[in-house]
Amino acid sequence: METMKNKTQLPVALTLAALLFILLSISSCTTEKKQGCTNNTAINFNSDADEDNGNCMYNAQETIWWNQDFSDAAETNGVSYFLIYVDGVKLDNEPEYDENIFSSAPSCSETSAIVVSRQLAEGDIIVLDLVIEAYDVDDNLVESITDEITLQTFMVCNYYQVEPYQFGW
């Protein structure tokens, strides 16, 4: 009888050992971290993410503005309005030139300012072609300038002041 008892105990002991091994293996596994953008200043911030995946995106903008001296010089030179192009695309958010006059650089959220905005990945820098054309009341081109603006993720709001000397005024 003694030998029969030992024979039954061995498979039970092996089964218990196997179950214990499986349970320890499962409990030692860590749950996979949720990937996403963990920077709360990014436009695609994911508050549920535990680990940054390197795909954060940021709004970068350039605010184009001028002061009263520029407006006066434009008027003196017969300018009625401006057309502004960025990388060959005419901006739709252009106010009349007399609505874009500021005594100093406007705030990033100024609604009457001319703003160029792009979504960029962290560390990105892009250079865009800028063309500003000045027209008279009869839609004749008075003067134009060509320049570049630079958008960068670490400069969330940057400024480009249009000056009379750029037009030769």
C-alpha atoms as a PDB file:
ATOM      1  CA  MET A   1       0.000   0.000   0.000  1.00  0.00           C
ATOM      2  CA  GLU A   2       2.846   2.217   0.783  1.00  0.00           C
ATOM      3  CA  THR A   3       4.177   2.010  -2.766  1.00  0.00           C
ATOM      4  CA  MET A   4       0.798   2.743  -4.306  1.00  0.00           C
ATOM      5  CA  LYS A   5       0.503   5.906  -2.239  1.00  0.00           C
ATOM      6  CA  ASN A   6       3.956   7.081  -3.372  1.00  0.00           C
ATOM      7  CA  LYS A   7       3.047   6.375  -7.000  1.00  0.00           C
ATOM      8  CA  THR A   8      -0.082   8.588  -6.740  1.00  0.00           C
ATOM      9  CA  GLN A   9       1.691  11.369  -4.957  1.00  0.00           C
ATOM     10  CA  LEU A  10       4.334  11.761  -7.646  1.00  0.00           C
ATOM     11  CA  PRO A  11       1.950  12.716 -10.508  1.00  0.00           C
ATOM     12  CA  VAL A  12       0.013  15.039  -8.169  1.00  0.00           C
ATOM     13  CA  ALA A  13       3.245  16.700  -7.085  1.00  0.00           C
ATOM     14  CA  LEU A  14       4.359  17.112 -10.701  1.00  0.00           C
ATOM     15  CA  THR A  15       0.984  18.567 -11.659  1.00  0.00           C
ATOM     16  CA  LEU A  16       1.133  21.016  -8.761  1.00  0.00           C
ATOM     17  CA  ALA A  17       4.702  21.995  -9.678  1.00  0.00           C
ATOM     18  CA  ALA A  18       3.674  22.572 -13.307  1.00  0.00           C
ATOM     19  CA  LEU A  19       0.706  24.711 -12.239  1.00  0.00           C
ATOM     20  CA  LEU A  20       2.912  26.708  -9.884  1.00  0.00           C
ATOM     21  CA  PHE A  21       5.436  27.280 -12.696  1.00  0.00           C
ATOM     22  CA  ILE A  22       2.679  28.475 -15.065  1.00  0.00           C
ATOM     23  CA  LEU A  23       1.214  30.817 -12.448  1.00  0.00           C
ATOM     24  CA  LEU A  24       4.627  32.313 -11.660  1.00  0.00           C
ATOM     25  CA  SER A  25       5.351  32.766 -15.359  1.00  0.00           C
ATOM     26  CA  ILE A  26       2.083  34.599 -15.940  1.00  0.00           C
ATOM     27  CA  SER A  27       2.428  36.850 -12.897  1.00  0.00           C
ATOM     28  CA  SER A  28       5.997  37.815 -13.799  1.00  0.00           C
ATOM     29  CA  CYS A  29       4.928  39.112 -17.238  1.00  0.00           C
ATOM     30  CA  THR A  30       4.551  42.855 -17.273  1.00  0.00           C
ATOM     31  CA  THR A  31       1.704  44.496 -19.093  1.00  0.00           C
ATOM     32  CA  GLU A  32       2.716  46.192 -22.331  1.00  0.00           C
ATOM     33  CA  LYS A  33       3.018  49.968 -22.059  1.00  0.00           C
ATOM     34  CA  LYS A  34       0.640  52.029 -24.155  1.00  0.00           C
ATOM     35  CA  GLN A  35       2.550  53.985 -26.807  1.00  0.00           C
ATOM     36  CA  GLY A  36       1.660  57.551 -27.838  1.00  0.00           C
ATOM     37  CA  CYS A  37       2.642  61.189 -27.592  1.00  0.00           C
ATOM     38  CA  THR A  38       3.330  62.027 -23.950  1.00  0.00           C
ATOM     39  CA  ASN A  39       4.169  65.738 -24.391  1.00  0.00           C
ATOM     40  CA  ASN A  40       1.154  67.732 -23.187  1.00  0.00           C
ATOM     41  CA  THR A  41       2.070  70.721 -25.395  1.00  0.00           C
ATOM     42  CA  ALA A  42       1.690  68.633 -28.579  1.00  0.00           C
ATOM     43  CA  ILE A  43      -1.511  68.733 -30.605  1.00  0.00           C
ATOM     44  CA  ASN A  44      -1.717  64.929 -30.559  1.00  0.00           C
ATOM     45  CA  PHE A  45      -1.008  64.508 -26.828  1.00  0.00           C
ATOM     46  CA  ASN A  46      -2.335  61.182 -25.517  1.00  0.00           C
ATOM     47  CA  SER A  47      -3.008  61.254 -21.777  1.00  0.00           C
ATOM     48  CA  ASP A  48      -3.419  57.457 -21.784  1.00  0.00           C
ATOM     49  CA  ALA A  49       0.084  56.837 -23.161  1.00  0.00           C
ATOM     50  CA  ASP A  50       2.721  55.441 -20.809  1.00  0.00           C
ATOM     51  CA  GLU A  51       5.617  55.574 -23.265  1.00  0.00           C
ATOM     52  CA  ASP A  52       6.427  58.234 -25.868  1.00  0.00           C
ATOM     53  CA  ASN A  53       6.460  56.903 -29.441  1.00  0.00           C
ATOM     54  CA  GLY A  54       8.299  59.900 -30.929  1.00  0.00           C
ATOM     55  CA  ASN A  55       5.351  60.998 -33.092  1.00  0.00           C
ATOM     56  CA  CYS A  56       4.365  64.223 -31.310  1.00  0.00           C
ATOM     57  CA  MET A  57       3.129  67.004 -33.607  1.00  0.00           C
ATOM     58  CA  TYR A  58       3.157  70.746 -32.896  1.00  0.00           C
ATOM     59  CA  ASN A  59       1.574  73.835 -34.425  1.00  0.00           C
ATOM     60  CA  ALA A  60       4.198  76.285 -35.623  1.00  0.00           C
ATOM     61  CA  GLN A  61       3.183  79.667 -36.937  1.00  0.00           C
ATOM     62  CA  GLU A  62       4.551  82.863 -38.395  1.00  0.00           C
ATOM     63  CA  THR A  63       2.552  86.059 -37.865  1.00  0.00           C
ATOM     64  CA  ILE A  64       3.013  88.633 -40.627  1.00  0.00           C
ATOM     65  CA  TRP A  65       2.375  92.206 -39.540  1.00  0.00           C
ATOM     66  CA  TRP A  66       3.257  95.868 -40.133  1.00  0.00           C
ATOM     67  CA  ASN A  67       3.140  99.121 -38.231  1.00  0.00           C
ATOM     68  CA  GLN A  68       1.666 102.548 -38.975  1.00  0.00           C
ATOM     69  CA  ASP A  69       4.861 103.742 -40.726  1.00  0.00           C
ATOM     70  CA  PHE A  70       4.518 100.939 -43.253  1.00  0.00           C
ATOM     71  CA  SER A  71       0.816 101.642 -43.743  1.00  0.00           C
ATOM     72  CA  ASP A  72       1.517 105.350 -44.311  1.00  0.00           C
ATOM     73  CA  ALA A  73       4.303 104.533 -46.811  1.00  0.00           C
ATOM     74  CA  ALA A  74       1.995 102.133 -48.679  1.00  0.00           C
ATOM     75  CA  GLU A  75      -0.726 104.772 -48.908  1.00  0.00           C
ATOM     76  CA  THR A  76       1.776 107.434 -50.058  1.00  0.00           C
ATOM     77  CA  ASN A  77       2.899 105.041 -52.822  1.00  0.00           C
ATOM     78  CA  GLY A  78      -0.664 104.452 -54.024  1.00  0.00           C
ATOM     79  CA  VAL A  79      -1.148 100.981 -52.564  1.00  0.00           C
ATOM     80  CA  SER A  80      -4.748  99.915 -52.108  1.00  0.00           C
ATOM     81  CA  TYR A  81      -4.242  96.280 -51.069  1.00  0.00           C
ATOM     82  CA  PHE A  82      -1.736  93.431 -50.757  1.00  0.00           C
ATOM     83  CA  LEU A  83      -1.746  89.827 -51.926  1.00  0.00           C
ATOM     84  CA  ILE A  84       0.388  87.444 -49.912  1.00  0.00           C
ATOM     85  CA  TYR A  85       1.646  84.073 -51.165  1.00  0.00           C
ATOM     86  CA  VAL A  86       3.397  81.358 -49.181  1.00  0.00           C
ATOM     87  CA  ASP A  87       5.083  78.678 -51.276  1.00  0.00           C
ATOM     88  CA  GLY A  88       3.054  79.867 -54.264  1.00  0.00           C
ATOM     89  CA  VAL A  89      -0.316  79.609 -52.513  1.00  0.00           C
ATOM     90  CA  LYS A  90      -2.333  82.792 -51.948  1.00  0.00           C
ATOM     91  CA  LEU A  91      -3.302  83.240 -48.316  1.00  0.00           C
ATOM     92  CA  ASP A  92      -7.017  83.373 -47.622  1.00  0.00           C
ATOM     93  CA  ASN A  93      -6.731  85.065 -44.232  1.00  0.00           C
ATOM     94  CA  GLU A  94      -5.509  88.435 -45.540  1.00  0.00           C
ATOM     95  CA  PRO A  95      -7.113  91.482 -43.968  1.00  0.00           C
ATOM     96  CA  GLU A  96      -7.032  94.870 -45.671  1.00  0.00           C
ATOM     97  CA  TYR A  97      -3.607  96.386 -45.087  1.00  0.00           C
ATOM     98  CA  ASP A  98      -5.035  99.023 -42.756  1.00  0.00           C
ATOM     99  CA  GLU A  99      -6.508  96.233 -40.557  1.00  0.00           C
ATOM    100  CA  ASN A 100      -3.101  94.627 -40.007  1.00  0.00           C
ATOM    101  CA  ILE A 101      -1.468  97.651 -38.337  1.00  0.00           C
ATOM    102  CA  PHE A 102       0.040  97.001 -34.923  1.00  0.00           C
ATOM    103  CA  SER A 103       2.219  99.200 -32.733  1.00  0.00           C
ATOM    104  CA  SER A 104       4.250  96.102 -31.788  1.00  0.00           C
ATOM    105  CA  ALA A 105       4.196  92.412 -32.666  1.00  0.00           C
ATOM    106  CA  PRO A 106       0.642  91.093 -32.158  1.00  0.00           C
ATOM    107  CA  SER A 107      -0.170  88.182 -29.881  1.00  0.00           C
ATOM    108  CA  CYS A 108      -0.245  84.725 -31.448  1.00  0.00           C
ATOM    109  CA  SER A 109      -4.012  84.613 -31.091  1.00  0.00           C
ATOM    110  CA  GLU A 110      -4.678  88.047 -32.659  1.00  0.00           C
ATOM    111  CA  THR A 111      -7.558  87.424 -35.070  1.00  0.00           C
ATOM    112  CA  SER A 112      -6.820  90.350 -37.390  1.00  0.00           C
ATOM    113  CA  ALA A 113      -3.197  89.271 -37.949  1.00  0.00           C
ATOM    114  CA  ILE A 114      -2.002  87.362 -40.999  1.00  0.00           C
ATOM    115  CA  VAL A 115      -0.920  83.924 -39.821  1.00  0.00           C
ATOM    116  CA  VAL A 116       0.909  81.112 -41.619  1.00  0.00           C
ATOM    117  CA  SER A 117       0.576  77.850 -39.708  1.00  0.00           C
ATOM    118  CA  ARG A 118       1.866  74.315 -40.230  1.00  0.00           C
ATOM    119  CA  GLN A 119       1.906  71.112 -38.188  1.00  0.00           C
ATOM    120  CA  LEU A 120       5.454  69.917 -37.586  1.00  0.00           C
ATOM    121  CA  ALA A 121       7.099  66.997 -35.833  1.00  0.00           C
ATOM    122  CA  GLU A 122       9.353  67.755 -32.876  1.00  0.00           C
ATOM    123  CA  GLY A 123      12.594  69.396 -33.985  1.00  0.00           C
ATOM    124  CA  ASP A 124      11.391  70.113 -37.529  1.00  0.00           C
ATOM    125  CA  ILE A 125      12.283  73.357 -39.281  1.00  0.00           C
ATOM    126  CA  ILE A 126      10.808  74.343 -42.640  1.00  0.00           C
ATOM    127  CA  VAL A 127      11.581  77.338 -44.825  1.00  0.00           C
ATOM    128  CA  LEU A 128       8.733  78.715 -46.934  1.00  0.00           C
ATOM    129  CA  ASP A 129       8.862  81.207 -49.794  1.00  0.00           C
ATOM    130  CA  LEU A 130       7.018  84.450 -49.069  1.00  0.00           C
ATOM    131  CA  VAL A 131       5.815  86.859 -51.766  1.00  0.00           C
ATOM    132  CA  ILE A 132       3.972  90.074 -50.917  1.00  0.00           C
ATOM    133  CA  GLU A 133       2.471  92.000 -53.825  1.00  0.00           C
ATOM    134  CA  ALA A 134       1.224  95.579 -53.463  1.00  0.00           C
ATOM    135  CA  TYR A 135      -1.600  96.718 -55.791  1.00  0.00           C
ATOM    136  CA  ASP A 136      -3.205 100.073 -56.483  1.00  0.00           C
ATOM    137  CA  VAL A 137      -6.919 100.807 -56.645  1.00  0.00           C
ATOM    138  CA  ASP A 138      -6.985  99.844 -60.362  1.00  0.00           C
ATOM    139  CA  ASP A 139      -5.480  96.405 -59.586  1.00  0.00           C
ATOM    140  CA  ASN A 140      -2.092  97.340 -61.046  1.00  0.00           C
ATOM    141  CA  LEU A 141       0.952  95.791 -59.391  1.00  0.00           C
ATOM    142  CA  VAL A 142       2.835  98.629 -57.663  1.00  0.00           C
ATOM    143  CA  GLU A 143       5.669  96.592 -56.123  1.00  0.00           C
ATOM    144  CA  SER A 144       6.416  93.113 -54.812  1.00  0.00           C
ATOM    145  CA  ILE A 145       8.939  91.514 -52.501  1.00  0.00           C
ATOM    146  CA  THR A 146      10.201  87.962 -52.207  1.00  0.00           C
ATOM    147  CA  ASP A 147      11.541  86.599 -48.949  1.00  0.00           C
ATOM    148  CA  GLU A 148      11.512  83.475 -46.786  1.00  0.00           C
ATOM    149  CA  ILE A 149       9.881  82.637 -43.498  1.00  0.00           C
ATOM    150  CA  THR A 150      11.040  79.877 -41.180  1.00  0.00           C
ATOM    151  CA  LEU A 151       8.679  77.750 -39.110  1.00  0.00           C
ATOM    152  CA  GLN A 152      10.136  75.729 -36.239  1.00  0.00           C
ATOM    153  CA  THR A 153       8.602  73.595 -33.526  1.00  0.00           C
ATOM    154  CA  PHE A 154      10.534  75.262 -30.713  1.00  0.00           C
ATOM    155  CA  MET A 155       9.288  78.708 -31.863  1.00  0.00           C
ATOM    156  CA  VAL A 156       5.552  78.155 -31.574  1.00  0.00           C
ATOM    157  CA  CYS A 157       4.760  81.737 -32.528  1.00  0.00           C
ATOM    158  CA  ASN A 158       7.237  83.662 -34.664  1.00  0.00           C
ATOM    159  CA  TYR A 159       6.901  87.123 -36.242  1.00  0.00           C
ATOM    160  CA  TYR A 160       7.667  88.669 -39.623  1.00  0.00           C
ATOM    161  CA  GLN A 161       7.409  92.454 -39.701  1.00  0.00           C
ATOM    162  CA  VAL A 162       6.970  93.976 -43.160  1.00  0.00           C
ATOM    163  CA  GLU A 163       9.051  97.165 -43.468  1.00  0.00           C
ATOM    164  CA  PRO A 164       8.852 100.040 -45.997  1.00  0.00           C
ATOM    165  CA  TYR A 165      12.508  99.573 -47.033  1.00  0.00           C
ATOM    166  CA  GLN A 166      11.663  96.088 -48.380  1.00  0.00           C
ATOM    167  CA  PHE A 167       9.515  97.786 -51.034  1.00  0.00           C
ATOM    168  CA  GLY A 168      12.005 100.594 -51.607  1.00  0.00           C
ATOM    169  CA  TRP A 169       9.806 103.179 -49.882  1.00  0.00           C
END
